[in-house]
Amino acid sequence: MKKILVLLIVFSFPAFAKAQCAMCRAVIE
């Protein structure tokens, strides 16, 4: 149960999710 809770916390923070699609982000930035 603790593993599920840790995974839920990690995936719920937007700081971890901001690394998505690095190439698309680089082109637009």
PDB file of all heavy atoms in Angstrom:
ATOM      1  N   MET A   1       0.820  -1.193   0.000  1.00  0.00           N
ATOM      2  CA  MET A   1       0.000   0.000   0.000  1.00  0.00           C
ATOM      3  C   MET A   1       0.864   1.257   0.000  1.00  0.00           C
ATOM      4  O   MET A   1       0.506   2.248  -0.608  1.00  0.00           O
ATOM      5  CB  MET A   1      -0.922  -0.059   1.231  1.00  0.00           C
ATOM      6  CG  MET A   1      -1.890   1.061   1.295  1.00  0.00           C
ATOM      7  SD  MET A   1      -3.043   0.915  -0.071  1.00  0.00           S
ATOM      8  CE  MET A   1      -4.071   2.294   0.239  1.00  0.00           C
ATOM      9  N   LYS A   2       2.009   1.189   0.704  1.00  0.00           N
ATOM     10  CA  LYS A   2       2.886   2.351   0.763  1.00  0.00           C
ATOM     11  C   LYS A   2       3.472   2.675  -0.608  1.00  0.00           C
ATOM     12  O   LYS A   2       3.654   3.834  -0.944  1.00  0.00           O
ATOM     13  CB  LYS A   2       4.012   2.115   1.764  1.00  0.00           C
ATOM     14  CG  LYS A   2       3.554   2.133   3.198  1.00  0.00           C
ATOM     15  CD  LYS A   2       4.712   1.952   4.140  1.00  0.00           C
ATOM     16  CE  LYS A   2       4.244   1.921   5.580  1.00  0.00           C
ATOM     17  NZ  LYS A   2       5.354   1.744   6.506  1.00  0.00           N
ATOM     18  N   LYS A   3       3.761   1.639  -1.392  1.00  0.00           N
ATOM     19  CA  LYS A   3       4.312   1.860  -2.733  1.00  0.00           C
ATOM     20  C   LYS A   3       3.309   2.602  -3.615  1.00  0.00           C
ATOM     21  O   LYS A   3       3.673   3.498  -4.366  1.00  0.00           O
ATOM     22  CB  LYS A   3       4.688   0.535  -3.387  1.00  0.00           C
ATOM     23  CG  LYS A   3       5.878  -0.133  -2.754  1.00  0.00           C
ATOM     24  CD  LYS A   3       6.194  -1.426  -3.448  1.00  0.00           C
ATOM     25  CE  LYS A   3       7.332  -2.143  -2.756  1.00  0.00           C
ATOM     26  NZ  LYS A   3       7.649  -3.416  -3.390  1.00  0.00           N
ATOM     27  N   ILE A   4       2.059   2.232  -3.514  1.00  0.00           N
ATOM     28  CA  ILE A   4       1.022   2.881  -4.312  1.00  0.00           C
ATOM     29  C   ILE A   4       0.883   4.340  -3.901  1.00  0.00           C
ATOM     30  O   ILE A   4       0.766   5.228  -4.749  1.00  0.00           O
ATOM     31  CB  ILE A   4      -0.322   2.139  -4.158  1.00  0.00           C
ATOM     32  CG1 ILE A   4      -0.208   0.756  -4.783  1.00  0.00           C
ATOM     33  CG2 ILE A   4      -1.455   2.923  -4.800  1.00  0.00           C
ATOM     34  CD1 ILE A   4      -1.395  -0.125  -4.532  1.00  0.00           C
ATOM     35  N   LEU A   5       0.935   4.597  -2.604  1.00  0.00           N
ATOM     36  CA  LEU A   5       0.830   5.961  -2.107  1.00  0.00           C
ATOM     37  C   LEU A   5       2.006   6.812  -2.590  1.00  0.00           C
ATOM     38  O   LEU A   5       1.822   7.942  -3.034  1.00  0.00           O
ATOM     39  CB  LEU A   5       0.756   5.967  -0.578  1.00  0.00           C
ATOM     40  CG  LEU A   5       0.609   7.330   0.076  1.00  0.00           C
ATOM     41  CD1 LEU A   5      -0.691   7.984  -0.367  1.00  0.00           C
ATOM     42  CD2 LEU A   5       0.649   7.193   1.579  1.00  0.00           C
ATOM     43  N   VAL A   6       3.209   6.255  -2.560  1.00  0.00           N
ATOM     44  CA  VAL A   6       4.388   6.989  -3.028  1.00  0.00           C
ATOM     45  C   VAL A   6       4.269   7.283  -4.520  1.00  0.00           C
ATOM     46  O   VAL A   6       4.558   8.402  -4.961  1.00  0.00           O
ATOM     47  CB  VAL A   6       5.671   6.203  -2.716  1.00  0.00           C
ATOM     48  CG1 VAL A   6       6.871   6.811  -3.409  1.00  0.00           C
ATOM     49  CG2 VAL A   6       5.909   6.148  -1.217  1.00  0.00           C
ATOM     50  N   LEU A   7       3.851   6.306  -5.304  1.00  0.00           N
ATOM     51  CA  LEU A   7       3.684   6.529  -6.745  1.00  0.00           C
ATOM     52  C   LEU A   7       2.621   7.586  -7.024  1.00  0.00           C
ATOM     53  O   LEU A   7       2.793   8.423  -7.916  1.00  0.00           O
ATOM     54  CB  LEU A   7       3.323   5.230  -7.449  1.00  0.00           C
ATOM     55  CG  LEU A   7       4.463   4.244  -7.631  1.00  0.00           C
ATOM     56  CD1 LEU A   7       3.947   2.936  -8.219  1.00  0.00           C
ATOM     57  CD2 LEU A   7       5.557   4.820  -8.501  1.00  0.00           C
ATOM     58  N   LEU A   8       1.558   7.552  -6.282  1.00  0.00           N
ATOM     59  CA  LEU A   8       0.498   8.548  -6.458  1.00  0.00           C
ATOM     60  C   LEU A   8       1.015   9.949  -6.154  1.00  0.00           C
ATOM     61  O   LEU A   8       0.733  10.896  -6.892  1.00  0.00           O
ATOM     62  CB  LEU A   8      -0.695   8.218  -5.566  1.00  0.00           C
ATOM     63  CG  LEU A   8      -1.893   9.131  -5.672  1.00  0.00           C
ATOM     64  CD1 LEU A   8      -2.496   9.031  -7.067  1.00  0.00           C
ATOM     65  CD2 LEU A   8      -2.921   8.761  -4.636  1.00  0.00           C
ATOM     66  N   ILE A   9       1.796  10.085  -5.103  1.00  0.00           N
ATOM     67  CA  ILE A   9       2.357  11.387  -4.745  1.00  0.00           C
ATOM     68  C   ILE A   9       3.326  11.866  -5.814  1.00  0.00           C
ATOM     69  O   ILE A   9       3.290  13.026  -6.227  1.00  0.00           O
ATOM     70  CB  ILE A   9       3.034  11.323  -3.358  1.00  0.00           C
ATOM     71  CG1 ILE A   9       1.985  11.165  -2.274  1.00  0.00           C
ATOM     72  CG2 ILE A   9       3.882  12.558  -3.105  1.00  0.00           C
ATOM     73  CD1 ILE A   9       2.542  10.863  -0.906  1.00  0.00           C
ATOM     74  N   VAL A  10       4.189  10.974  -6.297  1.00  0.00           N
ATOM     75  CA  VAL A  10       5.176  11.360  -7.303  1.00  0.00           C
ATOM     76  C   VAL A  10       4.500  11.816  -8.593  1.00  0.00           C
ATOM     77  O   VAL A  10       4.884  12.826  -9.184  1.00  0.00           O
ATOM     78  CB  VAL A  10       6.152  10.193  -7.580  1.00  0.00           C
ATOM     79  CG1 VAL A  10       6.982  10.441  -8.828  1.00  0.00           C
ATOM     80  CG2 VAL A  10       7.065   9.975  -6.384  1.00  0.00           C
ATOM     81  N   PHE A  11       3.467  11.086  -9.025  1.00  0.00           N
ATOM     82  CA  PHE A  11       2.806  11.444 -10.277  1.00  0.00           C
ATOM     83  C   PHE A  11       1.863  12.630 -10.140  1.00  0.00           C
ATOM     84  O   PHE A  11       1.455  13.221 -11.128  1.00  0.00           O
ATOM     85  CB  PHE A  11       2.048  10.246 -10.853  1.00  0.00           C
ATOM     86  CG  PHE A  11       2.949   9.229 -11.476  1.00  0.00           C
ATOM     87  CD1 PHE A  11       2.959   7.935 -11.013  1.00  0.00           C
ATOM     88  CD2 PHE A  11       3.798   9.573 -12.505  1.00  0.00           C
ATOM     89  CE1 PHE A  11       3.787   6.989 -11.573  1.00  0.00           C
ATOM     90  CE2 PHE A  11       4.638   8.644 -13.069  1.00  0.00           C
ATOM     91  CZ  PHE A  11       4.640   7.345 -12.603  1.00  0.00           C
ATOM     92  N   SER A  12       1.507  12.987  -8.925  1.00  0.00           N
ATOM     93  CA  SER A  12       0.578  14.092  -8.761  1.00  0.00           C
ATOM     94  C   SER A  12       1.263  15.459  -8.724  1.00  0.00           C
ATOM     95  O   SER A  12       0.612  16.473  -8.899  1.00  0.00           O
ATOM     96  CB  SER A  12      -0.256  13.903  -7.496  1.00  0.00           C
ATOM     97  OG  SER A  12       0.574  13.985  -6.357  1.00  0.00           O
ATOM     98  N   PHE A  13       2.566  15.482  -8.504  1.00  0.00           N
ATOM     99  CA  PHE A  13       3.269  16.764  -8.471  1.00  0.00           C
ATOM    100  C   PHE A  13       3.611  17.214  -9.885  1.00  0.00           C
ATOM    101  O   PHE A  13       4.230  16.479 -10.646  1.00  0.00           O
ATOM    102  CB  PHE A  13       4.552  16.674  -7.641  1.00  0.00           C
ATOM    103  CG  PHE A  13       4.299  16.679  -6.167  1.00  0.00           C
ATOM    104  CD1 PHE A  13       4.481  15.539  -5.426  1.00  0.00           C
ATOM    105  CD2 PHE A  13       3.855  17.822  -5.533  1.00  0.00           C
ATOM    106  CE1 PHE A  13       4.253  15.532  -4.071  1.00  0.00           C
ATOM    107  CE2 PHE A  13       3.611  17.833  -4.185  1.00  0.00           C
ATOM    108  CZ  PHE A  13       3.815  16.686  -3.451  1.00  0.00           C
ATOM    109  N   PRO A  14       3.239  18.428 -10.259  1.00  0.00           N
ATOM    110  CA  PRO A  14       3.490  18.894 -11.616  1.00  0.00           C
ATOM    111  C   PRO A  14       4.972  19.088 -11.921  1.00  0.00           C
ATOM    112  O   PRO A  14       5.372  19.075 -13.073  1.00  0.00           O
ATOM    113  CB  PRO A  14       2.747  20.224 -11.703  1.00  0.00           C
ATOM    114  CG  PRO A  14       2.398  20.600 -10.327  1.00  0.00           C
ATOM    115  CD  PRO A  14       2.484  19.381  -9.478  1.00  0.00           C
ATOM    116  N   ALA A  15       5.821  19.240 -10.914  1.00  0.00           N
ATOM    117  CA  ALA A  15       7.250  19.416 -11.173  1.00  0.00           C
ATOM    118  C   ALA A  15       7.833  18.184 -11.857  1.00  0.00           C
ATOM    119  O   ALA A  15       8.720  18.287 -12.705  1.00  0.00           O
ATOM    120  CB  ALA A  15       7.994  19.693  -9.873  1.00  0.00           C
ATOM    121  N   PHE A  16       7.328  17.016 -11.511  1.00  0.00           N
ATOM    122  CA  PHE A  16       7.800  15.794 -12.138  1.00  0.00           C
ATOM    123  C   PHE A  16       7.232  15.640 -13.545  1.00  0.00           C
ATOM    124  O   PHE A  16       7.827  15.018 -14.406  1.00  0.00           O
ATOM    125  CB  PHE A  16       7.424  14.576 -11.304  1.00  0.00           C
ATOM    126  CG  PHE A  16       8.070  14.548  -9.962  1.00  0.00           C
ATOM    127  CD1 PHE A  16       7.312  14.689  -8.819  1.00  0.00           C
ATOM    128  CD2 PHE A  16       9.437  14.397  -9.840  1.00  0.00           C
ATOM    129  CE1 PHE A  16       7.899  14.674  -7.572  1.00  0.00           C
ATOM    130  CE2 PHE A  16      10.038  14.374  -8.603  1.00  0.00           C
ATOM    131  CZ  PHE A  16       9.268  14.512  -7.463  1.00  0.00           C
ATOM    132  N   ALA A  17       6.070  16.189 -13.783  1.00  0.00           N
ATOM    133  CA  ALA A  17       5.403  16.050 -15.068  1.00  0.00           C
ATOM    134  C   ALA A  17       5.861  17.084 -16.089  1.00  0.00           C
ATOM    135  O   ALA A  17       5.551  16.974 -17.259  1.00  0.00           O
ATOM    136  CB  ALA A  17       3.897  16.146 -14.882  1.00  0.00           C
ATOM    137  N   LYS A  18       6.594  18.105 -15.684  1.00  0.00           N
ATOM    138  CA  LYS A  18       7.007  19.169 -16.605  1.00  0.00           C
ATOM    139  C   LYS A  18       8.063  18.719 -17.600  1.00  0.00           C
ATOM    140  O   LYS A  18       8.395  19.447 -18.517  1.00  0.00           O
ATOM    141  CB  LYS A  18       7.539  20.372 -15.826  1.00  0.00           C
ATOM    142  CG  LYS A  18       6.476  21.091 -15.047  1.00  0.00           C
ATOM    143  CD  LYS A  18       5.517  21.782 -15.970  1.00  0.00           C
ATOM    144  CE  LYS A  18       4.479  22.532 -15.173  1.00  0.00           C
ATOM    145  NZ  LYS A  18       3.463  23.088 -15.991  1.00  0.00           N
ATOM    146  N   ALA A  19       8.614  17.555 -17.448  1.00  0.00           N
ATOM    147  CA  ALA A  19       9.665  17.089 -18.343  1.00  0.00           C
ATOM    148  C   ALA A  19       9.121  16.364 -19.568  1.00  0.00           C
ATOM    149  O   ALA A  19       9.869  15.745 -20.297  1.00  0.00           O
ATOM    150  CB  ALA A  19      10.608  16.160 -17.577  1.00  0.00           C
ATOM    151  N   GLN A  20       7.825  16.428 -19.795  1.00  0.00           N
ATOM    152  CA  GLN A  20       7.219  15.699 -20.893  1.00  0.00           C
ATOM    153  C   GLN A  20       7.547  16.337 -22.243  1.00  0.00           C
ATOM    154  O   GLN A  20       7.602  17.544 -22.365  1.00  0.00           O
ATOM    155  CB  GLN A  20       5.701  15.630 -20.712  1.00  0.00           C
ATOM    156  CG  GLN A  20       5.293  14.985 -19.430  1.00  0.00           C
ATOM    157  CD  GLN A  20       5.869  13.600 -19.265  1.00  0.00           C
ATOM    158  OE1 GLN A  20       5.879  12.816 -20.200  1.00  0.00           O
ATOM    159  NE2 GLN A  20       6.353  13.309 -18.092  1.00  0.00           N
ATOM    160  N   CYS A  21       7.781  15.518 -23.226  1.00  0.00           N
ATOM    161  CA  CYS A  21       8.011  15.918 -24.612  1.00  0.00           C
ATOM    162  C   CYS A  21       9.066  17.023 -24.721  1.00  0.00           C
ATOM    163  O   CYS A  21       8.767  18.169 -25.080  1.00  0.00           O
ATOM    164  CB  CYS A  21       6.708  16.348 -25.267  1.00  0.00           C
ATOM    165  SG  CYS A  21       6.848  16.483 -27.064  1.00  0.00           S
ATOM    166  N   ALA A  22      10.285  16.666 -24.425  1.00  0.00           N
ATOM    167  CA  ALA A  22      11.375  17.635 -24.382  1.00  0.00           C
ATOM    168  C   ALA A  22      11.615  18.288 -25.743  1.00  0.00           C
ATOM    169  O   ALA A  22      11.908  19.487 -25.817  1.00  0.00           O
ATOM    170  CB  ALA A  22      12.646  16.961 -23.900  1.00  0.00           C
ATOM    171  N   MET A  23      11.484  17.534 -26.820  1.00  0.00           N
ATOM    172  CA  MET A  23      11.741  18.105 -28.145  1.00  0.00           C
ATOM    173  C   MET A  23      10.668  19.123 -28.529  1.00  0.00           C
ATOM    174  O   MET A  23      10.984  20.191 -29.046  1.00  0.00           O
ATOM    175  CB  MET A  23      11.845  17.006 -29.194  1.00  0.00           C
ATOM    176  CG  MET A  23      13.078  16.147 -29.002  1.00  0.00           C
ATOM    177  SD  MET A  23      13.290  14.946 -30.296  1.00  0.00           S
ATOM    178  CE  MET A  23      13.688  15.984 -31.664  1.00  0.00           C
ATOM    179  N   CYS A  24       9.410  18.797 -28.267  1.00  0.00           N
ATOM    180  CA  CYS A  24       8.332  19.746 -28.569  1.00  0.00           C
ATOM    181  C   CYS A  24       8.507  21.022 -27.758  1.00  0.00           C
ATOM    182  O   CYS A  24       8.352  22.128 -28.271  1.00  0.00           O
ATOM    183  CB  CYS A  24       6.975  19.128 -28.250  1.00  0.00           C
ATOM    184  SG  CYS A  24       6.579  17.685 -29.236  1.00  0.00           S
ATOM    185  N   ARG A  25       8.829  20.849 -26.496  1.00  0.00           N
ATOM    186  CA  ARG A  25       9.015  22.004 -25.629  1.00  0.00           C
ATOM    187  C   ARG A  25      10.188  22.858 -26.099  1.00  0.00           C
ATOM    188  O   ARG A  25      10.100  24.085 -26.116  1.00  0.00           O
ATOM    189  CB  ARG A  25       9.235  21.524 -24.198  1.00  0.00           C
ATOM    190  CG  ARG A  25       9.383  22.633 -23.218  1.00  0.00           C
ATOM    191  CD  ARG A  25       9.513  22.081 -21.838  1.00  0.00           C
ATOM    192  NE  ARG A  25       9.781  23.152 -20.896  1.00  0.00           N
ATOM    193  CZ  ARG A  25      10.012  22.982 -19.627  1.00  0.00           C
ATOM    194  NH1 ARG A  25      10.005  21.773 -19.127  1.00  0.00           N
ATOM    195  NH2 ARG A  25      10.242  24.001 -18.844  1.00  0.00           N
ATOM    196  N   ALA A  26      11.287  22.242 -26.499  1.00  0.00           N
ATOM    197  CA  ALA A  26      12.462  22.992 -26.951  1.00  0.00           C
ATOM    198  C   ALA A  26      12.151  23.788 -28.209  1.00  0.00           C
ATOM    199  O   ALA A  26      12.584  24.940 -28.345  1.00  0.00           O
ATOM    200  CB  ALA A  26      13.627  22.038 -27.195  1.00  0.00           C
ATOM    201  N   VAL A  27      11.402  23.201 -29.123  1.00  0.00           N
ATOM    202  CA  VAL A  27      11.074  23.901 -30.366  1.00  0.00           C
ATOM    203  C   VAL A  27      10.199  25.118 -30.076  1.00  0.00           C
ATOM    204  O   VAL A  27      10.429  26.208 -30.610  1.00  0.00           O
ATOM    205  CB  VAL A  27      10.369  22.946 -31.357  1.00  0.00           C
ATOM    206  CG1 VAL A  27       9.760  23.702 -32.511  1.00  0.00           C
ATOM    207  CG2 VAL A  27      11.348  21.914 -31.861  1.00  0.00           C
ATOM    208  N   ILE A  28       9.208  24.961 -29.225  1.00  0.00           N
ATOM    209  CA  ILE A  28       8.317  26.083 -28.938  1.00  0.00           C
ATOM    210  C   ILE A  28       9.023  27.154 -28.115  1.00  0.00           C
ATOM    211  O   ILE A  28       8.848  28.343 -28.353  1.00  0.00           O
ATOM    212  CB  ILE A  28       7.039  25.588 -28.240  1.00  0.00           C
ATOM    213  CG1 ILE A  28       6.227  24.798 -29.253  1.00  0.00           C
ATOM    214  CG2 ILE A  28       6.236  26.739 -27.698  1.00  0.00           C
ATOM    215  CD1 ILE A  28       4.931  24.287 -28.738  1.00  0.00           C
ATOM    216  N   GLU A  29       9.851  26.742 -27.148  1.00  0.00           N
ATOM    217  CA  GLU A  29      10.552  27.730 -26.334  1.00  0.00           C
ATOM    218  C   GLU A  29      11.592  28.501 -27.134  1.00  0.00           C
ATOM    219  O   GLU A  29      11.900  29.640 -26.820  1.00  0.00           O
ATOM    220  CB  GLU A  29      11.199  27.067 -25.122  1.00  0.00           C
ATOM    221  CG  GLU A  29      10.215  26.750 -24.031  1.00  0.00           C
ATOM    222  CD  GLU A  29      10.868  26.137 -22.817  1.00  0.00           C
ATOM    223  OE1 GLU A  29      12.062  25.767 -22.887  1.00  0.00           O
ATOM    224  OE2 GLU A  29      10.191  26.014 -21.792  1.00  0.00           O
TER     225      GLU A  29
END
